[in-house]
């Protein structure tokens, strides 16, 4: 199955071009991560929900100006920066709306204000979940044998030679298939243009 030129473009490039399908894929791919980041900051459910909406609105407004530095996880890092800033904005807005109190009551309230860490709170399960979502999104872009060569060598961890024998293709074809899928996966995750 040949992959169309549209499919080969990175997810971010297609989203920049206002491709609705690309935007849905981007939100489906990254919204669980943003939700977890917001929830882990211990803000209320209402603030978290508002923040998630604000994050993706900011991404939509700023996507044209985003230029990845060429490192793995660059888009996720950019998304974390936006999320962190939206969380901090929401916490500041919420603090301004609090009623004026003093003394130990105020001190107690200050201790309850959540802190938003500077560093991206990515944990292995989050990244693994993100990878699974991305793989599910791109799988149909490849012929079955290409996907199997990638899967068997990358996910199942078998050797190139064993995969080649199982699939009835050369080891070079297995390496090439794996490389094509990994490149497309990086594009889907926003790590390549």
C-alpha atoms as a PDB file:
ATOM      1  CA  UNK A   1       0.000   0.000   0.000  1.00  0.00           C
ATOM      2  CA  UNK A   2       1.503   3.327  -1.019  1.00  0.00           C
ATOM      3  CA  UNK A   3       1.344   6.123   1.481  1.00  0.00           C
ATOM      4  CA  UNK A   4      -0.027   9.369   0.105  1.00  0.00           C
ATOM      5  CA  UNK A   5       1.969  12.586   0.277  1.00  0.00           C
ATOM      6  CA  UNK A   6      -0.580  13.929   2.786  1.00  0.00           C
ATOM      7  CA  UNK A   7       0.041  11.004   5.108  1.00  0.00           C
ATOM      8  CA  UNK A   8       3.812  11.451   4.946  1.00  0.00           C
ATOM      9  CA  UNK A   9       3.624  15.017   6.183  1.00  0.00           C
ATOM     10  CA  UNK A  10       4.093  15.279   9.899  1.00  0.00           C
ATOM     11  CA  UNK A  11       1.043  15.535  12.082  1.00  0.00           C
ATOM     12  CA  UNK A  12       2.089  19.034  13.124  1.00  0.00           C
ATOM     13  CA  UNK A  13       2.518  20.160   9.540  1.00  0.00           C
ATOM     14  CA  UNK A  14      -0.959  18.921   8.663  1.00  0.00           C
ATOM     15  CA  UNK A  15      -2.412  20.571  11.786  1.00  0.00           C
ATOM     16  CA  UNK A  16      -0.701  23.842  10.798  1.00  0.00           C
ATOM     17  CA  UNK A  17      -2.462  23.565   7.457  1.00  0.00           C
ATOM     18  CA  UNK A  18      -5.775  23.465   9.392  1.00  0.00           C
ATOM     19  CA  UNK A  19      -6.412  19.810   8.515  1.00  0.00           C
ATOM     20  CA  UNK A  20      -9.327  18.844  10.794  1.00  0.00           C
ATOM     21  CA  UNK A  21      -8.350  15.164  10.879  1.00  0.00           C
ATOM     22  CA  UNK A  22      -4.800  16.083  11.894  1.00  0.00           C
ATOM     23  CA  UNK A  23      -6.110  18.340  14.662  1.00  0.00           C
ATOM     24  CA  UNK A  24      -8.344  15.514  15.975  1.00  0.00           C
ATOM     25  CA  UNK A  25      -5.356  13.138  15.922  1.00  0.00           C
ATOM     26  CA  UNK A  26      -3.217  15.685  17.755  1.00  0.00           C
ATOM     27  CA  UNK A  27      -5.838  16.214  20.459  1.00  0.00           C
ATOM     28  CA  UNK A  28      -6.543  12.459  20.754  1.00  0.00           C
ATOM     29  CA  UNK A  29      -2.824  11.791  21.029  1.00  0.00           C
ATOM     30  CA  UNK A  30      -1.876  14.464  23.553  1.00  0.00           C
ATOM     31  CA  UNK A  31      -5.026  15.269  25.571  1.00  0.00           C
ATOM     32  CA  UNK A  32      -4.594  12.314  27.983  1.00  0.00           C
ATOM     33  CA  UNK A  33      -1.100  13.606  28.775  1.00  0.00           C
ATOM     34  CA  UNK A  34      -2.343  17.169  29.350  1.00  0.00           C
ATOM     35  CA  UNK A  35      -5.219  15.849  31.491  1.00  0.00           C
ATOM     36  CA  UNK A  36      -2.765  13.910  33.681  1.00  0.00           C
ATOM     37  CA  UNK A  37      -0.477  16.915  34.016  1.00  0.00           C
ATOM     38  CA  UNK A  38      -3.400  19.095  35.106  1.00  0.00           C
ATOM     39  CA  UNK A  39      -4.732  16.501  37.520  1.00  0.00           C
ATOM     40  CA  UNK A  40      -1.309  15.907  39.050  1.00  0.00           C
ATOM     41  CA  UNK A  41      -1.012  19.605  39.880  1.00  0.00           C
ATOM     42  CA  UNK A  42      -3.791  19.130  42.473  1.00  0.00           C
ATOM     43  CA  UNK A  43      -6.005  21.920  41.150  1.00  0.00           C
ATOM     44  CA  UNK A  44      -9.776  21.532  41.290  1.00  0.00           C
ATOM     45  CA  UNK A  45     -11.565  19.590  38.569  1.00  0.00           C
ATOM     46  CA  UNK A  46     -13.091  22.827  37.258  1.00  0.00           C
ATOM     47  CA  UNK A  47      -9.729  24.579  37.006  1.00  0.00           C
ATOM     48  CA  UNK A  48      -8.228  21.479  35.405  1.00  0.00           C
ATOM     49  CA  UNK A  49     -10.988  21.281  32.770  1.00  0.00           C
ATOM     50  CA  UNK A  50     -10.648  24.976  31.944  1.00  0.00           C
ATOM     51  CA  UNK A  51      -6.882  24.660  31.754  1.00  0.00           C
ATOM     52  CA  UNK A  52      -7.060  21.742  29.314  1.00  0.00           C
ATOM     53  CA  UNK A  53      -9.281  23.798  26.999  1.00  0.00           C
ATOM     54  CA  UNK A  54      -6.940  26.786  27.272  1.00  0.00           C
ATOM     55  CA  UNK A  55      -3.900  24.632  26.497  1.00  0.00           C
ATOM     56  CA  UNK A  56      -5.299  23.356  23.210  1.00  0.00           C
ATOM     57  CA  UNK A  57      -6.607  26.806  22.287  1.00  0.00           C
ATOM     58  CA  UNK A  58      -3.069  28.151  22.832  1.00  0.00           C
ATOM     59  CA  UNK A  59      -1.598  25.309  20.781  1.00  0.00           C
ATOM     60  CA  UNK A  60      -3.993  26.111  17.936  1.00  0.00           C
ATOM     61  CA  UNK A  61      -3.007  29.792  18.053  1.00  0.00           C
ATOM     62  CA  UNK A  62       0.743  29.142  18.336  1.00  0.00           C
ATOM     63  CA  UNK A  63       1.308  26.063  16.194  1.00  0.00           C
ATOM     64  CA  UNK A  64       2.456  28.169  13.235  1.00  0.00           C
ATOM     65  CA  UNK A  65       5.299  29.588  15.334  1.00  0.00           C
ATOM     66  CA  UNK A  66       6.431  26.256  16.820  1.00  0.00           C
ATOM     67  CA  UNK A  67       9.718  25.053  15.329  1.00  0.00           C
ATOM     68  CA  UNK A  68      11.103  21.904  16.969  1.00  0.00           C
ATOM     69  CA  UNK A  69      14.760  21.925  17.887  1.00  0.00           C
ATOM     70  CA  UNK A  70      15.138  18.419  16.418  1.00  0.00           C
ATOM     71  CA  UNK A  71      15.280  16.528  19.689  1.00  0.00           C
ATOM     72  CA  UNK A  72      13.031  13.676  20.755  1.00  0.00           C
ATOM     73  CA  UNK A  73      10.147  14.855  22.887  1.00  0.00           C
ATOM     74  CA  UNK A  74      10.459  18.475  21.716  1.00  0.00           C
ATOM     75  CA  UNK A  75       6.746  18.883  21.033  1.00  0.00           C
ATOM     76  CA  UNK A  76       5.831  17.276  24.340  1.00  0.00           C
ATOM     77  CA  UNK A  77       8.212  19.694  26.090  1.00  0.00           C
ATOM     78  CA  UNK A  78       6.621  22.655  24.300  1.00  0.00           C
ATOM     79  CA  UNK A  79       3.177  21.357  25.254  1.00  0.00           C
ATOM     80  CA  UNK A  80       4.302  21.029  28.894  1.00  0.00           C
ATOM     81  CA  UNK A  81       5.490  24.656  28.875  1.00  0.00           C
ATOM     82  CA  UNK A  82       2.077  25.801  27.645  1.00  0.00           C
ATOM     83  CA  UNK A  83       0.302  23.585  30.185  1.00  0.00           C
ATOM     84  CA  UNK A  84       2.499  24.798  33.044  1.00  0.00           C
ATOM     85  CA  UNK A  85       1.830  28.436  32.118  1.00  0.00           C
ATOM     86  CA  UNK A  86      -1.933  27.885  31.820  1.00  0.00           C
ATOM     87  CA  UNK A  87      -1.962  26.127  35.201  1.00  0.00           C
ATOM     88  CA  UNK A  88      -0.069  28.985  36.800  1.00  0.00           C
ATOM     89  CA  UNK A  89      -2.445  31.520  35.202  1.00  0.00           C
ATOM     90  CA  UNK A  90      -5.447  29.578  36.499  1.00  0.00           C
ATOM     91  CA  UNK A  91      -3.983  29.359  40.018  1.00  0.00           C
ATOM     92  CA  UNK A  92      -3.288  33.119  40.026  1.00  0.00           C
ATOM     93  CA  UNK A  93      -6.835  33.886  38.773  1.00  0.00           C
ATOM     94  CA  UNK A  94      -8.316  31.619  41.421  1.00  0.00           C
ATOM     95  CA  UNK A  95      -6.185  33.198  44.173  1.00  0.00           C
ATOM     96  CA  UNK A  96      -7.396  36.707  43.226  1.00  0.00           C
ATOM     97  CA  UNK A  97     -10.992  35.559  43.607  1.00  0.00           C
ATOM     98  CA  UNK A  98     -10.436  34.236  47.130  1.00  0.00           C
ATOM     99  CA  UNK A  99     -11.988  36.178  49.965  1.00  0.00           C
ATOM    100  CA  UNK A 100      -9.680  38.288  52.073  1.00  0.00           C
ATOM    101  CA  UNK A 101      -8.687  36.597  55.326  1.00  0.00           C
ATOM    102  CA  UNK A 102      -5.674  36.890  57.574  1.00  0.00           C
ATOM    103  CA  UNK A 103      -3.654  35.168  60.230  1.00  0.00           C
ATOM    104  CA  UNK A 104      -3.473  31.404  60.493  1.00  0.00           C
ATOM    105  CA  UNK A 105      -6.489  30.989  58.178  1.00  0.00           C
ATOM    106  CA  UNK A 106      -4.589  32.681  55.369  1.00  0.00           C
ATOM    107  CA  UNK A 107      -1.434  30.704  56.129  1.00  0.00           C
ATOM    108  CA  UNK A 108      -3.428  27.481  55.899  1.00  0.00           C
ATOM    109  CA  UNK A 109      -4.888  28.561  52.564  1.00  0.00           C
ATOM    110  CA  UNK A 110      -1.433  29.420  51.207  1.00  0.00           C
ATOM    111  CA  UNK A 111      -0.175  25.964  52.102  1.00  0.00           C
ATOM    112  CA  UNK A 112      -3.012  24.486  50.067  1.00  0.00           C
ATOM    113  CA  UNK A 113      -2.122  26.376  46.863  1.00  0.00           C
ATOM    114  CA  UNK A 114      -0.683  23.792  44.500  1.00  0.00           C
ATOM    115  CA  UNK A 115       2.749  24.290  43.015  1.00  0.00           C
ATOM    116  CA  UNK A 116       3.317  23.689  39.339  1.00  0.00           C
ATOM    117  CA  UNK A 117       6.755  22.155  38.722  1.00  0.00           C
ATOM    118  CA  UNK A 118       9.075  23.704  36.137  1.00  0.00           C
ATOM    119  CA  UNK A 119      10.141  20.362  34.695  1.00  0.00           C
ATOM    120  CA  UNK A 120       7.807  18.251  32.600  1.00  0.00           C
ATOM    121  CA  UNK A 121       6.272  15.620  34.897  1.00  0.00           C
ATOM    122  CA  UNK A 122       6.598  12.826  32.346  1.00  0.00           C
ATOM    123  CA  UNK A 123       6.764   9.380  33.726  1.00  0.00           C
ATOM    124  CA  UNK A 124       7.436   6.166  31.854  1.00  0.00           C
ATOM    125  CA  UNK A 125       3.748   5.061  31.897  1.00  0.00           C
ATOM    126  CA  UNK A 126       2.704   8.416  30.383  1.00  0.00           C
ATOM    127  CA  UNK A 127       5.232   8.171  27.600  1.00  0.00           C
ATOM    128  CA  UNK A 128       4.344   4.531  26.981  1.00  0.00           C
ATOM    129  CA  UNK A 129       0.652   5.417  26.784  1.00  0.00           C
ATOM    130  CA  UNK A 130       1.445   8.229  24.350  1.00  0.00           C
ATOM    131  CA  UNK A 131       3.451   5.814  22.191  1.00  0.00           C
ATOM    132  CA  UNK A 132       0.618   3.260  22.132  1.00  0.00           C
ATOM    133  CA  UNK A 133      -1.868   5.938  21.022  1.00  0.00           C
ATOM    134  CA  UNK A 134       0.499   7.120  18.298  1.00  0.00           C
ATOM    135  CA  UNK A 135       1.128   3.564  17.055  1.00  0.00           C
ATOM    136  CA  UNK A 136      -2.599   2.929  16.876  1.00  0.00           C
ATOM    137  CA  UNK A 137      -3.053   6.099  14.818  1.00  0.00           C
ATOM    138  CA  UNK A 138      -0.403   5.228  12.221  1.00  0.00           C
ATOM    139  CA  UNK A 139      -0.751   1.450  11.911  1.00  0.00           C
ATOM    140  CA  UNK A 140      -3.225   1.592   9.010  1.00  0.00           C
ATOM    141  CA  UNK A 141      -0.708   3.663   7.003  1.00  0.00           C
ATOM    142  CA  UNK A 142       1.491   0.603   6.461  1.00  0.00           C
ATOM    143  CA  UNK A 143       1.237  -2.726   4.715  1.00  0.00           C
ATOM    144  CA  UNK A 144       0.736  -5.616   7.124  1.00  0.00           C
ATOM    145  CA  UNK A 145       4.221  -7.080   6.544  1.00  0.00           C
ATOM    146  CA  UNK A 146       5.906  -3.705   7.121  1.00  0.00           C
ATOM    147  CA  UNK A 147       4.010  -3.260  10.376  1.00  0.00           C
ATOM    148  CA  UNK A 148       4.801  -6.817  11.479  1.00  0.00           C
ATOM    149  CA  UNK A 149       8.523  -6.305  10.804  1.00  0.00           C
ATOM    150  CA  UNK A 150       8.451  -3.169  12.953  1.00  0.00           C
ATOM    151  CA  UNK A 151       6.342  -4.810  15.676  1.00  0.00           C
ATOM    152  CA  UNK A 152       8.325  -8.017  15.957  1.00  0.00           C
ATOM    153  CA  UNK A 153      11.719  -6.272  16.145  1.00  0.00           C
ATOM    154  CA  UNK A 154      10.789  -3.166  18.127  1.00  0.00           C
ATOM    155  CA  UNK A 155       7.928  -4.163  20.420  1.00  0.00           C
ATOM    156  CA  UNK A 156       8.501  -7.905  20.733  1.00  0.00           C
ATOM    157  CA  UNK A 157      12.280  -7.429  20.705  1.00  0.00           C
ATOM    158  CA  UNK A 158      13.196 -10.325  18.427  1.00  0.00           C
ATOM    159  CA  UNK A 159      16.263 -10.169  16.206  1.00  0.00           C
ATOM    160  CA  UNK A 160      16.157  -8.875  12.655  1.00  0.00           C
ATOM    161  CA  UNK A 161      17.219 -12.287  11.354  1.00  0.00           C
ATOM    162  CA  UNK A 162      14.376 -14.109  13.150  1.00  0.00           C
ATOM    163  CA  UNK A 163      11.808 -11.558  11.960  1.00  0.00           C
ATOM    164  CA  UNK A 164      13.115 -11.817   8.396  1.00  0.00           C
ATOM    165  CA  UNK A 165      12.755 -15.605   8.471  1.00  0.00           C
ATOM    166  CA  UNK A 166       9.228 -15.413   9.979  1.00  0.00           C
ATOM    167  CA  UNK A 167       8.070 -12.870   7.397  1.00  0.00           C
ATOM    168  CA  UNK A 168       9.883 -14.376   4.413  1.00  0.00           C
ATOM    169  CA  UNK A 169      11.851 -11.207   3.636  1.00  0.00           C
ATOM    170  CA  UNK A 170      15.487 -10.170   3.843  1.00  0.00           C
ATOM    171  CA  UNK A 171      17.018  -8.763   7.032  1.00  0.00           C
ATOM    172  CA  UNK A 172      17.653  -5.509   5.122  1.00  0.00           C
ATOM    173  CA  UNK A 173      13.925  -5.294   4.335  1.00  0.00           C
ATOM    174  CA  UNK A 174      13.116  -5.766   8.017  1.00  0.00           C
ATOM    175  CA  UNK A 175      15.505  -2.966   9.003  1.00  0.00           C
ATOM    176  CA  UNK A 176      14.066  -0.704   6.317  1.00  0.00           C
ATOM    177  CA  UNK A 177      10.478  -1.433   7.413  1.00  0.00           C
ATOM    178  CA  UNK A 178      11.350  -0.760  11.050  1.00  0.00           C
ATOM    179  CA  UNK A 179      13.044   2.488  10.080  1.00  0.00           C
ATOM    180  CA  UNK A 180      10.047   3.668   8.016  1.00  0.00           C
ATOM    181  CA  UNK A 181       7.601   3.003  10.853  1.00  0.00           C
ATOM    182  CA  UNK A 182       9.835   4.635  13.472  1.00  0.00           C
ATOM    183  CA  UNK A 183      10.282   7.707  11.272  1.00  0.00           C
ATOM    184  CA  UNK A 184       6.497   7.970  10.799  1.00  0.00           C
ATOM    185  CA  UNK A 185       5.982   7.463  14.537  1.00  0.00           C
ATOM    186  CA  UNK A 186       8.342  10.354  15.303  1.00  0.00           C
ATOM    187  CA  UNK A 187       6.433  12.490  12.814  1.00  0.00           C
ATOM    188  CA  UNK A 188       3.135  11.575  14.446  1.00  0.00           C
ATOM    189  CA  UNK A 189       4.515  12.533  17.832  1.00  0.00           C
ATOM    190  CA  UNK A 190       5.657  15.879  16.459  1.00  0.00           C
ATOM    191  CA  UNK A 191       9.352  15.203  16.871  1.00  0.00           C
ATOM    192  CA  UNK A 192      10.221  15.599  13.168  1.00  0.00           C
ATOM    193  CA  UNK A 193       9.085  17.914  10.447  1.00  0.00           C
END
